[in-house]
């Protein structure tokens, strides 16, 4: 919870910095002098990157398990594979190449061949160790 809050705060800060830079470059007063158009465009590209990065960071902190929310599942599947367990905790199977859990909607051939939706490699669920 603290990680998501901190990530949300950083996201809002980055977005605010970007929006402030855009505002002062194009709408700000002429107290500091008129900047050349080249510098306004250059600063705008930097500001847009700040807004995009900050917005993505804040939204993913608010809507999901964080910026890298799905990585935890893959990491746990890889740990289970390293421990020699083929079926994961949900009763499904993990890919022997990357450790990703086999999706419930994955199509398995009658011989047990299935394609990993994460890495794209084929494996056989009947020969899993």
C-alpha atoms as a PDB file:
ATOM      1  CA  UNK A   1       0.000   0.000   0.000  1.00  0.00           C
ATOM      2  CA  UNK A   2       2.802   2.423   0.836  1.00  0.00           C
ATOM      3  CA  UNK A   3       4.514   1.589  -2.457  1.00  0.00           C
ATOM      4  CA  UNK A   4       1.379   2.441  -4.443  1.00  0.00           C
ATOM      5  CA  UNK A   5       0.907   5.699  -2.507  1.00  0.00           C
ATOM      6  CA  UNK A   6       4.513   6.756  -3.070  1.00  0.00           C
ATOM      7  CA  UNK A   7       4.305   5.865  -6.751  1.00  0.00           C
ATOM      8  CA  UNK A   8       1.090   7.889  -7.037  1.00  0.00           C
ATOM      9  CA  UNK A   9       2.704  10.910  -5.399  1.00  0.00           C
ATOM     10  CA  UNK A  10       5.696  10.739  -7.741  1.00  0.00           C
ATOM     11  CA  UNK A  11       3.339  10.387 -10.696  1.00  0.00           C
ATOM     12  CA  UNK A  12       1.392  13.491  -9.713  1.00  0.00           C
ATOM     13  CA  UNK A  13       4.643  15.437  -9.159  1.00  0.00           C
ATOM     14  CA  UNK A  14       6.056  14.456 -12.577  1.00  0.00           C
ATOM     15  CA  UNK A  15       2.752  15.331 -14.267  1.00  0.00           C
ATOM     16  CA  UNK A  16       2.643  18.681 -12.455  1.00  0.00           C
ATOM     17  CA  UNK A  17       6.196  19.564 -13.463  1.00  0.00           C
ATOM     18  CA  UNK A  18       5.432  18.770 -17.092  1.00  0.00           C
ATOM     19  CA  UNK A  19       2.193  20.748 -17.152  1.00  0.00           C
ATOM     20  CA  UNK A  20       3.844  23.701 -15.414  1.00  0.00           C
ATOM     21  CA  UNK A  21       6.664  23.738 -17.964  1.00  0.00           C
ATOM     22  CA  UNK A  22       4.199  23.607 -20.859  1.00  0.00           C
ATOM     23  CA  UNK A  23       2.117  26.394 -19.353  1.00  0.00           C
ATOM     24  CA  UNK A  24       5.015  28.758 -18.744  1.00  0.00           C
ATOM     25  CA  UNK A  25       6.595  28.087 -22.135  1.00  0.00           C
ATOM     26  CA  UNK A  26       3.505  28.860 -24.200  1.00  0.00           C
ATOM     27  CA  UNK A  27       1.090  30.861 -22.031  1.00  0.00           C
ATOM     28  CA  UNK A  28       3.382  32.384 -19.391  1.00  0.00           C
ATOM     29  CA  UNK A  29       4.049  36.078 -19.138  1.00  0.00           C
ATOM     30  CA  UNK A  30       6.907  37.846 -20.899  1.00  0.00           C
ATOM     31  CA  UNK A  31       8.606  38.848 -17.626  1.00  0.00           C
ATOM     32  CA  UNK A  32      11.583  36.609 -18.386  1.00  0.00           C
ATOM     33  CA  UNK A  33      11.832  37.639 -22.031  1.00  0.00           C
ATOM     34  CA  UNK A  34      10.577  35.888 -25.086  1.00  0.00           C
ATOM     35  CA  UNK A  35      12.127  32.472 -25.628  1.00  0.00           C
ATOM     36  CA  UNK A  36      12.984  31.370 -29.139  1.00  0.00           C
ATOM     37  CA  UNK A  37      10.530  28.988 -30.771  1.00  0.00           C
ATOM     38  CA  UNK A  38      13.221  26.285 -30.897  1.00  0.00           C
ATOM     39  CA  UNK A  39      13.565  26.339 -27.101  1.00  0.00           C
ATOM     40  CA  UNK A  40       9.789  26.335 -26.656  1.00  0.00           C
ATOM     41  CA  UNK A  41       9.447  23.238 -28.843  1.00  0.00           C
ATOM     42  CA  UNK A  42      12.429  21.523 -27.194  1.00  0.00           C
ATOM     43  CA  UNK A  43      11.045  22.225 -23.706  1.00  0.00           C
ATOM     44  CA  UNK A  44       7.613  21.014 -24.840  1.00  0.00           C
ATOM     45  CA  UNK A  45       9.015  17.614 -25.838  1.00  0.00           C
ATOM     46  CA  UNK A  46      10.608  17.269 -22.408  1.00  0.00           C
ATOM     47  CA  UNK A  47       7.385  18.391 -20.711  1.00  0.00           C
ATOM     48  CA  UNK A  48       5.281  15.917 -22.720  1.00  0.00           C
ATOM     49  CA  UNK A  49       7.600  13.109 -21.627  1.00  0.00           C
ATOM     50  CA  UNK A  50       7.180  14.192 -17.992  1.00  0.00           C
ATOM     51  CA  UNK A  51       3.377  14.284 -18.339  1.00  0.00           C
ATOM     52  CA  UNK A  52       3.252  10.874 -20.047  1.00  0.00           C
ATOM     53  CA  UNK A  53       5.577   9.220 -17.528  1.00  0.00           C
ATOM     54  CA  UNK A  54       3.910  10.816 -14.514  1.00  0.00           C
ATOM     55  CA  UNK A  55       0.400  10.125 -15.774  1.00  0.00           C
ATOM     56  CA  UNK A  56       1.207   6.482 -16.447  1.00  0.00           C
ATOM     57  CA  UNK A  57       2.816   6.124 -13.045  1.00  0.00           C
ATOM     58  CA  UNK A  58      -0.110   7.740 -11.199  1.00  0.00           C
ATOM     59  CA  UNK A  59      -2.782   5.812 -13.108  1.00  0.00           C
ATOM     60  CA  UNK A  60      -1.104   2.451 -12.632  1.00  0.00           C
ATOM     61  CA  UNK A  61      -0.683   3.163  -8.914  1.00  0.00           C
ATOM     62  CA  UNK A  62      -4.361   4.005  -8.685  1.00  0.00           C
ATOM     63  CA  UNK A  63      -5.854   1.294 -10.935  1.00  0.00           C
ATOM     64  CA  UNK A  64      -3.703  -1.805 -10.415  1.00  0.00           C
ATOM     65  CA  UNK A  65      -0.986  -3.378  -8.311  1.00  0.00           C
ATOM     66  CA  UNK A  66       1.580  -0.822  -9.392  1.00  0.00           C
ATOM     67  CA  UNK A  67       3.596  -0.076 -12.479  1.00  0.00           C
ATOM     68  CA  UNK A  68       4.879  -3.646 -12.765  1.00  0.00           C
ATOM     69  CA  UNK A  69       1.876  -5.431 -11.277  1.00  0.00           C
ATOM     70  CA  UNK A  70       2.038  -8.548 -13.478  1.00  0.00           C
ATOM     71  CA  UNK A  71       5.730  -9.162 -12.883  1.00  0.00           C
ATOM     72  CA  UNK A  72       5.099 -10.622  -9.425  1.00  0.00           C
ATOM     73  CA  UNK A  73       3.030 -13.477 -10.900  1.00  0.00           C
ATOM     74  CA  UNK A  74       5.716 -14.314 -13.443  1.00  0.00           C
ATOM     75  CA  UNK A  75       8.395 -14.199 -10.748  1.00  0.00           C
ATOM     76  CA  UNK A  76       6.407 -16.577  -8.524  1.00  0.00           C
ATOM     77  CA  UNK A  77       5.875 -18.986 -11.430  1.00  0.00           C
ATOM     78  CA  UNK A  78       9.614 -18.934 -12.167  1.00  0.00           C
ATOM     79  CA  UNK A  79      10.369 -19.709  -8.513  1.00  0.00           C
ATOM     80  CA  UNK A  80       7.945 -22.636  -8.619  1.00  0.00           C
ATOM     81  CA  UNK A  81       9.583 -23.913 -11.810  1.00  0.00           C
ATOM     82  CA  UNK A  82      13.025 -23.634 -10.240  1.00  0.00           C
ATOM     83  CA  UNK A  83      11.776 -25.625  -7.263  1.00  0.00           C
ATOM     84  CA  UNK A  84      10.738 -28.400  -9.657  1.00  0.00           C
ATOM     85  CA  UNK A  85       7.013 -27.799  -9.477  1.00  0.00           C
ATOM     86  CA  UNK A  86       5.239 -27.859 -12.817  1.00  0.00           C
ATOM     87  CA  UNK A  87       1.666 -27.167 -11.765  1.00  0.00           C
ATOM     88  CA  UNK A  88       1.330 -23.787 -10.096  1.00  0.00           C
ATOM     89  CA  UNK A  89      -0.700 -22.931  -6.988  1.00  0.00           C
ATOM     90  CA  UNK A  90      -3.948 -22.523  -8.932  1.00  0.00           C
ATOM     91  CA  UNK A  91      -3.790 -26.048 -10.329  1.00  0.00           C
ATOM     92  CA  UNK A  92      -2.625 -24.924 -13.774  1.00  0.00           C
ATOM     93  CA  UNK A  93       0.735 -25.416 -15.438  1.00  0.00           C
ATOM     94  CA  UNK A  94       3.755 -23.185 -15.848  1.00  0.00           C
ATOM     95  CA  UNK A  95       5.797 -22.811 -19.021  1.00  0.00           C
ATOM     96  CA  UNK A  96       9.110 -24.683 -18.675  1.00  0.00           C
ATOM     97  CA  UNK A  97      10.916 -21.968 -20.668  1.00  0.00           C
ATOM     98  CA  UNK A  98       9.837 -18.755 -18.940  1.00  0.00           C
ATOM     99  CA  UNK A  99       7.849 -19.910 -15.887  1.00  0.00           C
ATOM    100  CA  UNK A 100       4.679 -18.022 -16.814  1.00  0.00           C
ATOM    101  CA  UNK A 101       1.430 -19.633 -15.701  1.00  0.00           C
ATOM    102  CA  UNK A 102      -0.613 -21.250 -18.449  1.00  0.00           C
ATOM    103  CA  UNK A 103      -3.771 -19.235 -19.077  1.00  0.00           C
ATOM    104  CA  UNK A 104      -7.061 -20.933 -18.269  1.00  0.00           C
ATOM    105  CA  UNK A 105      -8.296 -20.109 -21.778  1.00  0.00           C
ATOM    106  CA  UNK A 106      -5.245 -21.679 -23.471  1.00  0.00           C
ATOM    107  CA  UNK A 107      -6.045 -24.233 -26.149  1.00  0.00           C
ATOM    108  CA  UNK A 108      -4.382 -27.588 -25.463  1.00  0.00           C
ATOM    109  CA  UNK A 109      -4.125 -30.146 -28.255  1.00  0.00           C
ATOM    110  CA  UNK A 110      -5.325 -33.719 -27.642  1.00  0.00           C
ATOM    111  CA  UNK A 111      -1.673 -34.751 -27.299  1.00  0.00           C
ATOM    112  CA  UNK A 112      -1.083 -32.085 -24.623  1.00  0.00           C
ATOM    113  CA  UNK A 113       0.821 -29.534 -26.712  1.00  0.00           C
ATOM    114  CA  UNK A 114       0.212 -25.906 -25.800  1.00  0.00           C
ATOM    115  CA  UNK A 115       1.778 -22.584 -26.762  1.00  0.00           C
ATOM    116  CA  UNK A 116       2.885 -20.256 -23.956  1.00  0.00           C
ATOM    117  CA  UNK A 117       1.063 -16.939 -24.273  1.00  0.00           C
ATOM    118  CA  UNK A 118       3.994 -15.100 -22.671  1.00  0.00           C
ATOM    119  CA  UNK A 119       7.106 -16.310 -24.532  1.00  0.00           C
ATOM    120  CA  UNK A 120       5.461 -18.082 -27.498  1.00  0.00           C
ATOM    121  CA  UNK A 121       7.254 -21.424 -27.045  1.00  0.00           C
ATOM    122  CA  UNK A 122       5.482 -24.755 -27.340  1.00  0.00           C
ATOM    123  CA  UNK A 123       5.541 -27.340 -24.552  1.00  0.00           C
ATOM    124  CA  UNK A 124       3.673 -30.465 -23.590  1.00  0.00           C
ATOM    125  CA  UNK A 125       1.666 -30.516 -20.368  1.00  0.00           C
ATOM    126  CA  UNK A 126       1.828 -34.313 -20.166  1.00  0.00           C
ATOM    127  CA  UNK A 127       5.629 -34.333 -20.196  1.00  0.00           C
ATOM    128  CA  UNK A 128       5.977 -31.554 -17.622  1.00  0.00           C
ATOM    129  CA  UNK A 129       8.332 -32.367 -14.787  1.00  0.00           C
END
